[in-house]
C-alpha atoms as a PDB file:
ATOM      1  CA  MET A   1      10.140  -3.226  -7.270  1.00  0.00           C
ATOM      2  CA  ILE A   2       7.507   0.189  -7.363  1.00  0.00           C
ATOM      3  CA  VAL A   3       5.392  -1.597  -4.726  1.00  0.00           C
ATOM      4  CA  ARG A   4       8.417  -1.870  -2.773  1.00  0.00           C
ATOM      5  CA  LEU A   5       8.957   1.612  -3.089  1.00  0.00           C
ATOM      6  CA  ALA A   6       5.715   2.883  -2.389  1.00  0.00           C
ATOM      7  CA  ALA A   7       6.061   1.202   0.850  1.00  0.00           C
ATOM      8  CA  LEU A   8       9.324   2.861   1.610  1.00  0.00           C
ATOM      9  CA  ALA A   9       7.713   5.811   0.767  1.00  0.00           C
ATOM     10  CA  VAL A  10       5.117   5.348   3.369  1.00  0.00           C
ATOM     11  CA  CYS A  11       7.482   3.564   5.933  1.00  0.00           C
ATOM     12  CA  LEU A  12       9.963   7.307   5.919  1.00  0.00           C
ATOM     13  CA  ALA A  13       6.439   8.715   6.350  1.00  0.00           C
ATOM     14  CA  GLY A  14       5.454   7.319   9.510  1.00  0.00           C
ATOM     15  CA  VAL A  15       8.985   7.710  10.947  1.00  0.00           C
ATOM     16  CA  LEU A  16       8.767  11.290  10.139  1.00  0.00           C
ATOM     17  CA  THR A  17       5.531  12.137  11.762  1.00  0.00           C
ATOM     18  CA  THR A  18       5.957   9.276  14.848  1.00  0.00           C
ATOM     19  CA  ALA A  19       6.507  13.150  16.672  1.00  0.00           C
ATOM     20  CA  CYS A  20       3.700  14.711  15.906  1.00  0.00           C
ATOM     21  CA  THR A  21       0.489  14.033  15.772  1.00  0.00           C
ATOM     22  CA  ASN A  22      -1.750  15.228  12.112  1.00  0.00           C
ATOM     23  CA  PRO A  23      -5.695  15.861  14.021  1.00  0.00           C
ATOM     24  CA  PHE A  24      -7.180  16.241  10.420  1.00  0.00           C
ATOM     25  CA  VAL A  25      -6.498  12.365   9.771  1.00  0.00           C
ATOM     26  CA  PRO A  26      -8.351   9.249  11.370  1.00  0.00           C
ATOM     27  CA  HIS A  27      -6.102   7.495  14.079  1.00  0.00           C
ATOM     28  CA  TYR A  28      -6.095   3.733  13.706  1.00  0.00           C
ATOM     29  CA  GLU A  29      -5.902   1.457  16.791  1.00  0.00           C
ATOM     30  CA  TYR A  30      -4.103  -1.317  14.517  1.00  0.00           C
ATOM     31  CA  GLU A  31      -4.126  -0.634  10.326  1.00  0.00           C
ATOM     32  CA  GLU A  32      -2.650  -3.304   7.525  1.00  0.00           C
ATOM     33  CA  GLN A  33      -1.559  -1.449   4.300  1.00  0.00           C
ATOM     34  CA  VAL A  34      -1.225  -3.747   0.991  1.00  0.00           C
ATOM     35  CA  TYR A  35       0.293  -2.520  -1.538  1.00  0.00           C
ATOM     36  CA  LEU A  36      -0.408  -4.867  -4.491  1.00  0.00           C
ATOM     37  CA  SER A  37       1.265  -4.844  -8.641  1.00  0.00           C
ATOM     38  CA  VAL A  38      -0.441  -6.476 -11.245  1.00  0.00           C
ATOM     39  CA  ASP A  39       2.243  -9.129 -11.534  1.00  0.00           C
ATOM     40  CA  GLY A  40       0.691  -9.925  -7.913  1.00  0.00           C
ATOM     41  CA  HIS A  41       3.387  -8.679  -5.248  1.00  0.00           C
ATOM     42  CA  ALA A  42       2.489  -7.619  -2.067  1.00  0.00           C
ATOM     43  CA  THR A  43       3.729  -5.494   0.652  1.00  0.00           C
ATOM     44  CA  VAL A  44       2.250  -4.699   3.824  1.00  0.00           C
ATOM     45  CA  VAL A  45       2.150  -1.879   6.595  1.00  0.00           C
ATOM     46  CA  ILE A  46       1.248  -2.320   9.727  1.00  0.00           C
ATOM     47  CA  ASP A  47       0.950   1.116  12.216  1.00  0.00           C
ATOM     48  CA  THR A  48      -0.108  -0.743  15.366  1.00  0.00           C
ATOM     49  CA  SER A  49       0.188  -0.603  19.397  1.00  0.00           C
ATOM     50  CA  LEU A  50       1.708  -3.375  20.765  1.00  0.00           C
ATOM     51  CA  PRO A  51      -1.833  -3.755  22.701  1.00  0.00           C
ATOM     52  CA  ALA A  52      -3.583  -3.909  19.832  1.00  0.00           C
ATOM     53  CA  LEU A  53      -0.327  -5.969  18.755  1.00  0.00           C
ATOM     54  CA  VAL A  54      -1.089  -8.573  21.553  1.00  0.00           C
ATOM     55  CA  ALA A  55      -5.333  -8.234  21.148  1.00  0.00           C
ATOM     56  CA  LEU A  56      -5.479  -9.424  17.751  1.00  0.00           C
ATOM     57  CA  ARG A  57      -2.752 -11.246  16.670  1.00  0.00           C
ATOM     58  CA  GLY A  58      -1.623 -13.098  19.537  1.00  0.00           C
ATOM     59  CA  VAL A  59       1.630 -11.936  19.198  1.00  0.00           C
ATOM     60  CA  LYS A  60       4.035 -12.760  21.860  1.00  0.00           C
ATOM     61  CA  ILE A  61       5.384  -9.889  23.021  1.00  0.00           C
ATOM     62  CA  ASN A  62       4.829  -7.455  26.888  1.00  0.00           C
ATOM     63  CA  PRO A  63       2.308  -4.864  25.280  1.00  0.00           C
ATOM     64  CA  SER A  64       3.672  -2.665  27.379  1.00  0.00           C
ATOM     65  CA  GLY A  65       6.084  -2.432  25.345  1.00  0.00           C
ATOM     66  CA  ALA A  66       8.934  -3.242  28.316  1.00  0.00           C
ATOM     67  CA  GLY A  67      12.021  -4.365  26.894  1.00  0.00           C
ATOM     68  CA  VAL A  68      10.796  -4.739  23.440  1.00  0.00           C
ATOM     69  CA  ASP A  69      12.429  -3.388  20.715  1.00  0.00           C
ATOM     70  CA  ARG A  70      12.650  -3.357  16.544  1.00  0.00           C
ATOM     71  CA  THR A  71      15.043  -6.530  17.102  1.00  0.00           C
ATOM     72  CA  SER A  72      12.725  -8.473  19.513  1.00  0.00           C
ATOM     73  CA  ILE A  73       9.382  -7.531  16.975  1.00  0.00           C
ATOM     74  CA  ARG A  74      11.606  -9.020  13.995  1.00  0.00           C
ATOM     75  CA  GLU A  75      13.022 -12.140  15.562  1.00  0.00           C
ATOM     76  CA  VAL A  76       9.052 -13.375  16.426  1.00  0.00           C
ATOM     77  CA  LEU A  77       7.729 -12.231  13.601  1.00  0.00           C
ATOM     78  CA  GLU A  78      10.389 -14.321  11.507  1.00  0.00           C
ATOM     79  CA  ALA A  79       9.616 -17.193  13.761  1.00  0.00           C
ATOM     80  CA  ALA A  80       5.715 -16.929  12.297  1.00  0.00           C
ATOM     81  CA  GLY A  81       6.858 -17.151   8.837  1.00  0.00           C
ATOM     82  CA  CYS A  82       6.847 -13.600   8.260  1.00  0.00           C
ATOM     83  CA  ARG A  83       9.186 -12.190   5.862  1.00  0.00           C
ATOM     84  CA  VAL A  84      10.165  -9.025   7.341  1.00  0.00           C
ATOM     85  CA  ASP A  85      11.235  -6.070   5.463  1.00  0.00           C
ATOM     86  CA  SER A  86      11.949  -3.485   8.348  1.00  0.00           C
ATOM     87  CA  VAL A  87      10.564  -2.401  11.654  1.00  0.00           C
ATOM     88  CA  SER A  88      10.498   1.241  12.820  1.00  0.00           C
ATOM     89  CA  ARG A  89      11.040   2.159  16.688  1.00  0.00           C
ATOM     90  CA  LEU A  90       8.291   2.316  19.147  1.00  0.00           C
ATOM     91  CA  TRP A  91       6.075   5.757  19.053  1.00  0.00           C
ATOM     92  CA  GLU A  92       3.887   6.471  21.799  1.00  0.00           C
ATOM     93  CA  ARG A  93       0.309   8.025  21.346  1.00  0.00           C
ATOM     94  CA  GLN A  94      -2.338   8.039  24.099  1.00  0.00           C
ATOM     95  CA  ASP A  95      -0.191   6.570  26.402  1.00  0.00           C
ATOM     96  CA  ARG A  96       0.266   3.758  24.278  1.00  0.00           C
ATOM     97  CA  GLN A  97       3.451   2.422  22.648  1.00  0.00           C
ATOM     98  CA  PHE A  98       3.130   2.034  18.937  1.00  0.00           C
ATOM     99  CA  VAL A  99       4.924  -0.117  16.097  1.00  0.00           C
ATOM    100  CA  GLN A 100       4.727   0.000  12.112  1.00  0.00           C
ATOM    101  CA  ILE A 101       6.293  -3.321  10.518  1.00  0.00           C
ATOM    102  CA  GLN A 102       6.280  -4.355   6.567  1.00  0.00           C
ATOM    103  CA  VAL A 103       6.340  -7.596   6.066  1.00  0.00           C
ATOM    104  CA  SER A 104       6.138  -8.782   1.770  1.00  0.00           C
ATOM    105  CA  ALA A 105       5.360 -11.698  -0.675  1.00  0.00           C
ATOM    106  CA  ASP A 106       6.323 -12.718  -4.131  1.00  0.00           C
ATOM    107  CA  ALA A 107       2.529 -13.704  -4.848  1.00  0.00           C
ATOM    108  CA  VAL A 108      -0.130 -12.053  -2.812  1.00  0.00           C
ATOM    109  CA  GLN A 109      -1.868 -15.707  -1.774  1.00  0.00           C
ATOM    110  CA  ARG A 110       1.671 -16.332  -0.053  1.00  0.00           C
ATOM    111  CA  LEU A 111       0.555 -13.626   2.730  1.00  0.00           C
ATOM    112  CA  SER A 112      -1.314 -15.785   4.553  1.00  0.00           C
ATOM    113  CA  ASP A 113       1.441 -18.372   5.546  1.00  0.00           C
ATOM    114  CA  CYS A 114       3.281 -15.436   7.921  1.00  0.00           C
ATOM    115  CA  GLY A 115       1.470 -15.635  11.241  1.00  0.00           C
ATOM    116  CA  LEU A 116       0.836 -12.218  11.628  1.00  0.00           C
ATOM    117  CA  LEU A 117      -1.819 -12.280   8.502  1.00  0.00           C
ATOM    118  CA  ALA A 118      -2.789 -15.667   9.023  1.00  0.00           C
ATOM    119  CA  TRP A 119      -6.343 -13.979   9.727  1.00  0.00           C
ATOM    120  CA  SER A 120      -6.960 -13.296   6.050  1.00  0.00           C
ATOM    121  CA  LYS A 121      -7.102 -15.468   2.734  1.00  0.00           C
ATOM    122  CA  TYR A 122      -5.641 -13.782  -0.430  1.00  0.00           C
ATOM    123  CA  SER A 123      -6.725 -14.501  -4.117  1.00  0.00           C
ATOM    124  CA  LEU A 124      -5.710 -12.476  -7.076  1.00  0.00           C
ATOM    125  CA  ALA A 125      -7.143 -13.651 -10.508  1.00  0.00           C
ATOM    126  CA  PRO A 126      -7.877 -12.717 -14.146  1.00  0.00           C
ATOM    127  CA  ILE A 127     -11.060 -11.352 -14.966  1.00  0.00           C
ATOM    128  CA  GLU A 128     -13.386 -10.456 -17.992  1.00  0.00           C
ATOM    129  CA  ASP A 129     -11.783  -8.319 -20.726  1.00  0.00           C
ATOM    130  CA  GLU A 130      -7.958  -8.494 -19.162  1.00  0.00           C
ATOM    131  CA  GLY A 131      -8.708  -7.368 -15.566  1.00  0.00           C
ATOM    132  CA  LEU A 132      -8.220  -8.302 -12.415  1.00  0.00           C
ATOM    133  CA  GLY A 133     -10.589  -9.770  -8.772  1.00  0.00           C
ATOM    134  CA  TYR A 134      -8.801  -9.150  -5.777  1.00  0.00           C
ATOM    135  CA  LEU A 135     -10.713 -11.048  -2.941  1.00  0.00           C
ATOM    136  CA  GLN A 136      -9.390 -10.970   0.295  1.00  0.00           C
ATOM    137  CA  SER A 137     -11.256 -12.294   3.380  1.00  0.00           C
ATOM    138  CA  ILE A 138     -10.467 -11.598   6.971  1.00  0.00           C
ATOM    139  CA  GLY A 139     -11.581 -14.385  10.061  1.00  0.00           C
ATOM    140  CA  PRO A 140     -11.435 -14.083  13.896  1.00  0.00           C
ATOM    141  CA  PRO A 141      -8.598 -13.083  15.549  1.00  0.00           C
ATOM    142  CA  THR A 142      -5.201 -14.504  17.860  1.00  0.00           C
ATOM    143  CA  PRO A 143      -6.982 -13.038  20.593  1.00  0.00           C
ATOM    144  CA  GLY A 144      -3.672 -12.436  23.012  1.00  0.00           C
ATOM    145  CA  ASP A 145      -4.002 -10.537  27.184  1.00  0.00           C
ATOM    146  CA  PRO A 146      -3.044  -6.795  26.318  1.00  0.00           C
ATOM    147  CA  GLY A 147      -3.190  -6.026  29.847  1.00  0.00           C
ATOM    148  CA  LYS A 148      -4.573  -2.864  31.428  1.00  0.00           C
ATOM    149  CA  VAL A 149      -5.392  -0.949  28.558  1.00  0.00           C
ATOM    150  CA  VAL A 150      -7.385   2.116  28.771  1.00  0.00           C
ATOM    151  CA  TRP A 151      -9.405   1.748  25.366  1.00  0.00           C
ATOM    152  CA  GLN A 152     -12.224   4.361  24.770  1.00  0.00           C
ATOM    153  CA  GLY A 153     -14.913   1.809  22.926  1.00  0.00           C
ATOM    154  CA  THR A 154     -14.159   4.403  19.931  1.00  0.00           C
ATOM    155  CA  GLU A 155     -11.162   3.003  18.598  1.00  0.00           C
ATOM    156  CA  LEU A 156     -10.439   1.595  14.652  1.00  0.00           C
ATOM    157  CA  VAL A 157      -9.242  -0.737  12.842  1.00  0.00           C
ATOM    158  CA  ALA A 158      -8.361  -0.395   8.971  1.00  0.00           C
ATOM    159  CA  PHE A 159      -7.118  -2.209   6.205  1.00  0.00           C
ATOM    160  CA  LYS A 160      -6.149  -0.701   2.720  1.00  0.00           C
ATOM    161  CA  MET A 161      -5.190  -1.411  -0.499  1.00  0.00           C
ATOM    162  CA  HIS A 162      -2.886   0.175  -2.805  1.00  0.00           C
ATOM    163  CA  LEU A 163      -4.700  -0.796  -6.307  1.00  0.00           C
ATOM    164  CA  PRO A 164      -1.622  -0.796  -9.572  1.00  0.00           C
ATOM    165  CA  SER A 165      -4.540  -0.043 -11.359  1.00  0.00           C
ATOM    166  CA  ARG A 166      -7.902   1.810 -12.391  1.00  0.00           C
ATOM    167  CA  ILE A 167     -10.412   0.302  -9.937  1.00  0.00           C
ATOM    168  CA  ARG A 168     -13.628  -0.854 -11.887  1.00  0.00           C
ATOM    169  CA  PHE A 169     -15.657  -2.351  -8.985  1.00  0.00           C
ATOM    170  CA  GLN A 170     -15.271  -2.338  -5.508  1.00  0.00           C
ATOM    171  CA  ASN A 171     -17.132  -3.078  -1.864  1.00  0.00           C
ATOM    172  CA  VAL A 172     -15.582  -0.499   0.467  1.00  0.00           C
ATOM    173  CA  LYS A 173     -17.401  -0.119   4.067  1.00  0.00           C
ATOM    174  CA  ARG A 174     -15.771   3.130   6.284  1.00  0.00           C
ATOM    175  CA  LEU A 175     -18.358   3.558   9.508  1.00  0.00           C
ATOM    176  CA  ASP A 176     -18.826   7.306   8.234  1.00  0.00           C
ATOM    177  CA  GLY A 177     -20.677   5.747   4.977  1.00  0.00           C
ATOM    178  CA  SER A 178     -18.298   7.514   2.872  1.00  0.00           C
ATOM    179  CA  ASN A 179     -16.966   6.066  -0.272  1.00  0.00           C
ATOM    180  CA  GLY A 180     -13.919   4.801   1.340  1.00  0.00           C
ATOM    181  CA  THR A 181     -11.664   6.118  -1.648  1.00  0.00           C
ATOM    182  CA  SER A 182      -8.687   9.400  -0.848  1.00  0.00           C
ATOM    183  CA  GLU A 183      -5.520  10.602  -2.243  1.00  0.00           C
ATOM    184  CA  ARG A 184      -4.729   9.378  -6.040  1.00  0.00           C
ATOM    185  CA  GLY A 185      -8.756   7.446  -6.062  1.00  0.00           C
ATOM    186  CA  ASN A 186      -6.750   3.456  -6.338  1.00  0.00           C
ATOM    187  CA  ILE A 187      -6.253   3.684  -2.596  1.00  0.00           C
ATOM    188  CA  LEU A 188      -9.347   2.330  -0.418  1.00  0.00           C
ATOM    189  CA  THR A 189     -10.149   2.280   2.954  1.00  0.00           C
ATOM    190  CA  TRP A 190     -12.378  -0.689   4.803  1.00  0.00           C
ATOM    191  CA  GLU A 191     -12.547   0.002   8.179  1.00  0.00           C
ATOM    192  CA  GLN A 192     -14.384  -1.386  11.952  1.00  0.00           C
ATOM    193  CA  ARG A 193     -14.361  -0.806  15.712  1.00  0.00           C
ATOM    194  CA  LEU A 194     -12.139  -2.861  17.088  1.00  0.00           C
ATOM    195  CA  SER A 195     -14.387  -4.041  19.741  1.00  0.00           C
ATOM    196  CA  ASP A 196     -15.851  -5.364  16.259  1.00  0.00           C
ATOM    197  CA  ARG A 197     -12.796  -6.644  15.330  1.00  0.00           C
ATOM    198  CA  ARG A 198     -11.597  -7.979  18.520  1.00  0.00           C
ATOM    199  CA  ALA A 199     -15.632  -9.855  18.573  1.00  0.00           C
ATOM    200  CA  GLY A 200     -14.476 -11.336  14.813  1.00  0.00           C
ATOM    201  CA  VAL A 201     -17.318  -9.623  12.920  1.00  0.00           C
ATOM    202  CA  PRO A 202     -15.808 -10.956   9.307  1.00  0.00           C
ATOM    203  CA  VAL A 203     -14.514  -8.069   6.837  1.00  0.00           C
ATOM    204  CA  ALA A 204     -14.761  -9.240   2.974  1.00  0.00           C
ATOM    205  CA  ILE A 205     -12.534  -7.042   0.487  1.00  0.00           C
ATOM    206  CA  VAL A 206     -14.017  -7.407  -3.448  1.00  0.00           C
ATOM    207  CA  VAL A 207     -12.188  -5.456  -5.913  1.00  0.00           C
ATOM    208  CA  LYS A 208     -12.264  -5.619  -9.739  1.00  0.00           C
ATOM    209  CA  MET A 209      -9.866  -3.295 -11.357  1.00  0.00           C
ATOM    210  CA  ASP A 210      -7.964  -3.052 -14.671  1.00  0.00           C
ATOM    211  CA  GLY A 211      -5.050  -5.808 -16.050  1.00  0.00           C
ATOM    212  CA  THR A 212      -2.193  -2.304 -16.552  1.00  0.00           C
ATOM    213  CA  SER A 213      -1.261  -0.885 -13.797  1.00  0.00           C
ATOM    214  CA  ILE A 214      -1.134   2.603 -13.956  1.00  0.00           C
ATOM    215  CA  LEU A 215       2.180   3.598 -13.769  1.00  0.00           C
ATOM    216  CA  ASN A 216       2.640   1.394 -17.237  1.00  0.00           C
ATOM    217  CA  THR A 217      -0.076   3.284 -19.060  1.00  0.00           C
ATOM    218  CA  THR A 218       1.135   6.655 -17.603  1.00  0.00           C
ATOM    219  CA  LEU A 219       4.998   5.769 -19.075  1.00  0.00           C
ATOM    220  CA  LEU A 220       3.600   4.418 -22.486  1.00  0.00           C
ATOM    221  CA  ILE A 221       1.974   7.622 -22.650  1.00  0.00           C
ATOM    222  CA  PHE A 222       5.094   9.648 -22.003  1.00  0.00           C
ATOM    223  CA  ALA A 223       7.406   7.620 -23.789  1.00  0.00           C
ATOM    224  CA  GLY A 224       4.377   8.110 -27.315  1.00  0.00           C
ATOM    225  CA  ALA A 225       4.311  11.817 -26.629  1.00  0.00           C
ATOM    226  CA  PHE A 226       8.588  11.927 -26.258  1.00  0.00           C
ATOM    227  CA  VAL A 227       8.512  10.014 -29.540  1.00  0.00           C
ATOM    228  CA  ALA A 228       6.650  12.514 -31.621  1.00  0.00           C
ATOM    229  CA  ALA A 229       8.464  15.359 -30.250  1.00  0.00           C
ATOM    230  CA  VAL A 230      11.423  13.865 -31.965  1.00  0.00           C
ATOM    231  CA  LEU A 231       9.509  13.274 -35.157  1.00  0.00           C
ATOM    232  CA  VAL A 232       7.571  16.562 -35.297  1.00  0.00           C
ATOM    233  CA  LEU A 233      11.662  18.171 -34.132  1.00  0.00           C
ATOM    234  CA  VAL A 234      13.021  16.342 -37.000  1.00  0.00           C
ATOM    235  CA  SER A 235      10.385  16.926 -39.135  1.00  0.00           C
ATOM    236  CA  ILE A 236      11.013  20.651 -38.976  1.00  0.00           C
ATOM    237  CA  ILE A 237      14.813  20.694 -39.004  1.00  0.00           C
ATOM    238  CA  TRP A 238      14.663  18.326 -42.337  1.00  0.00           C
ATOM    239  CA  TRP A 239      12.310  21.426 -43.552  1.00  0.00           C
ATOM    240  CA  VAL A 240      13.841  24.187 -43.015  1.00  0.00           C
ATOM    241  CA  VAL A 241      17.132  22.576 -44.349  1.00  0.00           C
ATOM    242  CA  ARG A 242      15.446  21.692 -47.347  1.00  0.00           C
ATOM    243  CA  LYS A 243      14.065  24.960 -47.760  1.00  0.00           C
ATOM    244  CA  GLY A 244      17.464  26.343 -47.754  1.00  0.00           C
ATOM    245  CA  ARG A 245      19.202  24.149 -50.345  1.00  0.00           C
ATOM    246  CA  ALA A 246      15.887  24.975 -52.488  1.00  0.00           C
ATOM    247  CA  ARG A 247      16.602  28.905 -52.020  1.00  0.00           C
ATOM    248  CA  ARG A 248      20.011  28.323 -52.675  1.00  0.00           C
ATOM    249  CA  PRO A 249      21.795  30.481 -55.857  1.00  0.00           C
ATOM    250  CA  GLY A 250      22.144  27.700 -59.004  1.00  0.00           C
ATOM    251  CA  GLY A 251      26.171  28.300 -58.792  1.00  0.00           C
ATOM    252  CA  TRP A 252      28.995  31.239 -59.142  1.00  0.00           C
ATOM    253  CA  LYS A 253      32.344  31.276 -61.763  1.00  0.00           C
ATOM    254  CA  ALA A 254      35.824  32.358 -60.377  1.00  0.00           C
ATOM    255  CA  ARG A 255      36.409  35.571 -62.292  1.00  0.00           C
END
């Protein structure tokens, strides 16, 4: 549920920001964001231009966007074995049509059953000290004809992980050499040039993390603090009542 809510928040943010462009964040031609839970459920949000969707995944749609809408995209993806949660309206950037797609699976290993994500193999398994190990290997694309596209050669592709627990190890690769973490610290980003992704240069994602979600740990901490506060309050009330009884006169006689 938490994974779905987080992914939904991203989808809403995407809808709200389609009319404006933030110059301070990277703008990817194709981006996959995996929202993972410790029980293995996964939701993937893909933001992509239609030409990149065709060039990288071979999706049978018109890359110019002519005659393409959210219903037609959903139908193509469902026919490819994807459990499609949502498809956004198209928006335009740099004379290209973009779309946001959300798919999900009850087990992260089953994401590759979806044709859109079939270039990846996913694994989530227990490791030492009650941790979890996540592996994702991204192979060559399924190329399609994107038509005449004015790509500058600097366009980027990104694979992001939104992890549910504390990260112990990661092998992030970003083109600027940074460590790839952002925001809350449990979001990792692997980047690649679009030209390299089209050429099939592989991407290997390796993460080791705690086996308990950050949310569960936080809730336990808050629950413990709440119980402690209630116990303190009850103790204070008991002490005040007891003190009041101790100070009460020993009794009175009617005259």
